[in-house]
């Protein structure tokens, strides 16, 4: 067979076709969002809509107990932080940790990409979006 290349299936494809339906077997796909589109995005959207064989498990940053920081005495919240606090039941220690991360990353968008609060935010703020993610997120919230 000199000169002829054999196609090797990617690991994901092999796992899904060979093991997915075996008795007492689970296939777990874990990834970080990387923009809208692609195979992982399709699996996530299908699972979120109840289609396909996968169950979606999304773990937001604020479930991590260690993602808290000491709160300064003069701590106050802005409108965005009050929204997050109310929507996700965050405490001031979590908001302070978030502030510190945003400062370190020098970008709230980068924070949302690396530490999303929800599935939409994970995909919206990652990859190379055509539209400004802040405007897209604002429009989504108005629906």
C-alpha atoms as a PDB file:
ATOM      1  CA  UNK A   1       0.000   0.000   0.000  1.00  0.00           C
ATOM      2  CA  UNK A   2       2.848   2.367  -0.628  1.00  0.00           C
ATOM      3  CA  UNK A   3       1.747   5.895  -1.415  1.00  0.00           C
ATOM      4  CA  UNK A   4      -1.786   5.410  -0.104  1.00  0.00           C
ATOM      5  CA  UNK A   5      -2.779   7.206   3.092  1.00  0.00           C
ATOM      6  CA  UNK A   6      -5.115   5.564   5.529  1.00  0.00           C
ATOM      7  CA  UNK A   7      -7.661   7.851   7.189  1.00  0.00           C
ATOM      8  CA  UNK A   8      -7.382   7.760  10.965  1.00  0.00           C
ATOM      9  CA  UNK A   9     -10.562   8.732  12.776  1.00  0.00           C
ATOM     10  CA  UNK A  10     -10.190  11.482  15.397  1.00  0.00           C
ATOM     11  CA  UNK A  11     -10.432  10.228  19.014  1.00  0.00           C
ATOM     12  CA  UNK A  12     -13.825  11.900  19.512  1.00  0.00           C
ATOM     13  CA  UNK A  13     -15.246  10.168  16.467  1.00  0.00           C
ATOM     14  CA  UNK A  14     -13.852   6.781  17.538  1.00  0.00           C
ATOM     15  CA  UNK A  15     -15.249   7.136  21.057  1.00  0.00           C
ATOM     16  CA  UNK A  16     -18.685   8.146  19.891  1.00  0.00           C
ATOM     17  CA  UNK A  17     -19.028   5.459  17.246  1.00  0.00           C
ATOM     18  CA  UNK A  18     -17.404   2.587  19.137  1.00  0.00           C
ATOM     19  CA  UNK A  19     -18.289   3.097  22.798  1.00  0.00           C
ATOM     20  CA  UNK A  20     -21.260   5.422  23.126  1.00  0.00           C
ATOM     21  CA  UNK A  21     -23.893   2.691  23.207  1.00  0.00           C
ATOM     22  CA  UNK A  22     -21.950   0.014  25.079  1.00  0.00           C
ATOM     23  CA  UNK A  23     -23.669  -1.211  28.229  1.00  0.00           C
ATOM     24  CA  UNK A  24     -22.503   0.538  31.444  1.00  0.00           C
ATOM     25  CA  UNK A  25     -20.468   3.058  29.478  1.00  0.00           C
ATOM     26  CA  UNK A  26     -20.568   6.844  29.618  1.00  0.00           C
ATOM     27  CA  UNK A  27     -18.930   9.252  27.232  1.00  0.00           C
ATOM     28  CA  UNK A  28     -18.077  12.622  28.734  1.00  0.00           C
ATOM     29  CA  UNK A  29     -17.122  15.513  26.489  1.00  0.00           C
ATOM     30  CA  UNK A  30     -15.458  18.383  28.335  1.00  0.00           C
ATOM     31  CA  UNK A  31     -14.320  21.585  26.737  1.00  0.00           C
ATOM     32  CA  UNK A  32     -14.121  25.330  26.986  1.00  0.00           C
ATOM     33  CA  UNK A  33     -16.264  27.244  24.523  1.00  0.00           C
ATOM     34  CA  UNK A  34     -14.379  28.598  21.533  1.00  0.00           C
ATOM     35  CA  UNK A  35     -16.883  30.713  19.676  1.00  0.00           C
ATOM     36  CA  UNK A  36     -20.184  29.913  18.056  1.00  0.00           C
ATOM     37  CA  UNK A  37     -19.934  26.989  15.674  1.00  0.00           C
ATOM     38  CA  UNK A  38     -18.096  23.701  15.488  1.00  0.00           C
ATOM     39  CA  UNK A  39     -18.815  20.197  16.713  1.00  0.00           C
ATOM     40  CA  UNK A  40     -18.666  20.970  20.440  1.00  0.00           C
ATOM     41  CA  UNK A  41     -21.006  23.944  20.037  1.00  0.00           C
ATOM     42  CA  UNK A  42     -23.448  21.722  18.121  1.00  0.00           C
ATOM     43  CA  UNK A  43     -23.393  19.062  20.871  1.00  0.00           C
ATOM     44  CA  UNK A  44     -23.992  21.714  23.539  1.00  0.00           C
ATOM     45  CA  UNK A  45     -26.865  23.353  21.684  1.00  0.00           C
ATOM     46  CA  UNK A  46     -28.453  19.971  20.929  1.00  0.00           C
ATOM     47  CA  UNK A  47     -28.181  18.861  24.562  1.00  0.00           C
ATOM     48  CA  UNK A  48     -29.536  22.207  25.769  1.00  0.00           C
ATOM     49  CA  UNK A  49     -32.557  21.757  23.493  1.00  0.00           C
ATOM     50  CA  UNK A  50     -33.076  18.144  24.605  1.00  0.00           C
ATOM     51  CA  UNK A  51     -31.911  16.664  21.303  1.00  0.00           C
ATOM     52  CA  UNK A  52     -29.418  13.833  20.983  1.00  0.00           C
ATOM     53  CA  UNK A  53     -27.964  11.481  23.560  1.00  0.00           C
ATOM     54  CA  UNK A  54     -25.965  13.884  25.703  1.00  0.00           C
ATOM     55  CA  UNK A  55     -26.920  15.558  28.961  1.00  0.00           C
ATOM     56  CA  UNK A  56     -25.597  19.087  29.318  1.00  0.00           C
ATOM     57  CA  UNK A  57     -23.748  20.003  32.500  1.00  0.00           C
ATOM     58  CA  UNK A  58     -22.552  23.596  32.649  1.00  0.00           C
ATOM     59  CA  UNK A  59     -20.477  24.711  35.630  1.00  0.00           C
ATOM     60  CA  UNK A  60     -20.325  28.498  36.076  1.00  0.00           C
ATOM     61  CA  UNK A  61     -17.339  30.144  37.751  1.00  0.00           C
ATOM     62  CA  UNK A  62     -19.269  31.106  40.870  1.00  0.00           C
ATOM     63  CA  UNK A  63     -19.836  27.476  41.882  1.00  0.00           C
ATOM     64  CA  UNK A  64     -16.161  27.354  42.853  1.00  0.00           C
ATOM     65  CA  UNK A  65     -15.875  28.187  46.560  1.00  0.00           C
ATOM     66  CA  UNK A  66     -12.294  29.391  46.139  1.00  0.00           C
ATOM     67  CA  UNK A  67     -13.403  32.124  43.726  1.00  0.00           C
ATOM     68  CA  UNK A  68     -13.868  34.678  46.499  1.00  0.00           C
ATOM     69  CA  UNK A  69     -11.713  37.533  47.736  1.00  0.00           C
ATOM     70  CA  UNK A  70     -11.563  39.636  50.863  1.00  0.00           C
ATOM     71  CA  UNK A  71     -14.044  42.486  50.596  1.00  0.00           C
ATOM     72  CA  UNK A  72     -12.786  46.010  51.386  1.00  0.00           C
ATOM     73  CA  UNK A  73     -14.766  48.059  53.926  1.00  0.00           C
ATOM     74  CA  UNK A  74     -15.706  50.677  51.323  1.00  0.00           C
ATOM     75  CA  UNK A  75     -17.032  48.054  48.860  1.00  0.00           C
ATOM     76  CA  UNK A  76     -20.017  49.186  46.778  1.00  0.00           C
ATOM     77  CA  UNK A  77     -21.592  47.597  43.712  1.00  0.00           C
ATOM     78  CA  UNK A  78     -22.342  49.090  40.321  1.00  0.00           C
ATOM     79  CA  UNK A  79     -25.439  48.320  38.227  1.00  0.00           C
ATOM     80  CA  UNK A  80     -23.835  45.336  36.454  1.00  0.00           C
ATOM     81  CA  UNK A  81     -22.713  43.829  39.751  1.00  0.00           C
ATOM     82  CA  UNK A  82     -26.156  44.305  41.283  1.00  0.00           C
ATOM     83  CA  UNK A  83     -27.634  42.488  38.274  1.00  0.00           C
ATOM     84  CA  UNK A  84     -25.174  39.605  38.730  1.00  0.00           C
ATOM     85  CA  UNK A  85     -25.797  39.523  42.472  1.00  0.00           C
ATOM     86  CA  UNK A  86     -29.559  39.323  42.000  1.00  0.00           C
ATOM     87  CA  UNK A  87     -29.548  36.954  39.016  1.00  0.00           C
ATOM     88  CA  UNK A  88     -26.954  34.471  40.299  1.00  0.00           C
ATOM     89  CA  UNK A  89     -27.208  35.055  44.071  1.00  0.00           C
ATOM     90  CA  UNK A  90     -23.563  36.154  44.291  1.00  0.00           C
ATOM     91  CA  UNK A  91     -22.012  37.495  47.460  1.00  0.00           C
ATOM     92  CA  UNK A  92     -19.649  40.466  47.769  1.00  0.00           C
ATOM     93  CA  UNK A  93     -16.619  38.180  48.074  1.00  0.00           C
ATOM     94  CA  UNK A  94     -17.421  36.679  44.678  1.00  0.00           C
ATOM     95  CA  UNK A  95     -17.917  40.111  43.145  1.00  0.00           C
ATOM     96  CA  UNK A  96     -14.589  41.282  44.590  1.00  0.00           C
ATOM     97  CA  UNK A  97     -12.841  38.214  43.146  1.00  0.00           C
ATOM     98  CA  UNK A  98     -14.488  38.974  39.782  1.00  0.00           C
ATOM     99  CA  UNK A  99     -13.236  42.578  39.935  1.00  0.00           C
ATOM    100  CA  UNK A 100      -9.709  41.401  40.638  1.00  0.00           C
ATOM    101  CA  UNK A 101      -9.799  38.929  37.744  1.00  0.00           C
ATOM    102  CA  UNK A 102     -11.144  41.538  35.330  1.00  0.00           C
ATOM    103  CA  UNK A 103      -8.383  43.900  36.421  1.00  0.00           C
ATOM    104  CA  UNK A 104      -5.760  41.199  35.917  1.00  0.00           C
ATOM    105  CA  UNK A 105      -7.116  40.241  32.497  1.00  0.00           C
ATOM    106  CA  UNK A 106      -7.585  43.914  31.564  1.00  0.00           C
ATOM    107  CA  UNK A 107     -10.886  43.004  29.946  1.00  0.00           C
ATOM    108  CA  UNK A 108     -14.407  42.201  31.115  1.00  0.00           C
ATOM    109  CA  UNK A 109     -14.997  40.406  27.802  1.00  0.00           C
ATOM    110  CA  UNK A 110     -11.963  38.180  28.430  1.00  0.00           C
ATOM    111  CA  UNK A 111     -13.301  37.436  31.919  1.00  0.00           C
ATOM    112  CA  UNK A 112     -16.656  36.392  30.448  1.00  0.00           C
ATOM    113  CA  UNK A 113     -14.846  34.147  27.978  1.00  0.00           C
ATOM    114  CA  UNK A 114     -12.714  32.460  30.634  1.00  0.00           C
ATOM    115  CA  UNK A 115     -15.259  32.536  33.487  1.00  0.00           C
ATOM    116  CA  UNK A 116     -18.762  32.541  31.973  1.00  0.00           C
ATOM    117  CA  UNK A 117     -21.932  32.736  34.068  1.00  0.00           C
ATOM    118  CA  UNK A 118     -24.051  30.795  31.565  1.00  0.00           C
ATOM    119  CA  UNK A 119     -23.833  28.846  28.328  1.00  0.00           C
ATOM    120  CA  UNK A 120     -24.751  31.772  26.099  1.00  0.00           C
ATOM    121  CA  UNK A 121     -22.049  33.944  27.636  1.00  0.00           C
ATOM    122  CA  UNK A 122     -19.490  31.155  27.216  1.00  0.00           C
ATOM    123  CA  UNK A 123     -19.955  31.001  23.462  1.00  0.00           C
ATOM    124  CA  UNK A 124     -20.795  34.652  22.875  1.00  0.00           C
ATOM    125  CA  UNK A 125     -17.589  36.002  24.377  1.00  0.00           C
ATOM    126  CA  UNK A 126     -15.197  33.420  22.937  1.00  0.00           C
ATOM    127  CA  UNK A 127     -13.881  32.843  19.461  1.00  0.00           C
ATOM    128  CA  UNK A 128     -13.911  35.691  16.962  1.00  0.00           C
ATOM    129  CA  UNK A 129     -17.385  37.243  17.020  1.00  0.00           C
ATOM    130  CA  UNK A 130     -18.507  39.416  14.118  1.00  0.00           C
ATOM    131  CA  UNK A 131     -20.708  41.620  16.309  1.00  0.00           C
ATOM    132  CA  UNK A 132     -19.774  43.272  19.580  1.00  0.00           C
ATOM    133  CA  UNK A 133     -20.682  40.640  22.220  1.00  0.00           C
ATOM    134  CA  UNK A 134     -21.967  43.290  24.659  1.00  0.00           C
ATOM    135  CA  UNK A 135     -24.563  44.431  22.121  1.00  0.00           C
ATOM    136  CA  UNK A 136     -25.502  40.868  21.226  1.00  0.00           C
ATOM    137  CA  UNK A 137     -25.919  39.963  24.916  1.00  0.00           C
ATOM    138  CA  UNK A 138     -28.028  43.086  25.552  1.00  0.00           C
ATOM    139  CA  UNK A 139     -30.300  42.193  22.622  1.00  0.00           C
ATOM    140  CA  UNK A 140     -30.628  38.604  23.881  1.00  0.00           C
ATOM    141  CA  UNK A 141     -31.668  39.821  27.346  1.00  0.00           C
ATOM    142  CA  UNK A 142     -34.402  41.992  25.822  1.00  0.00           C
ATOM    143  CA  UNK A 143     -36.028  38.991  24.075  1.00  0.00           C
END
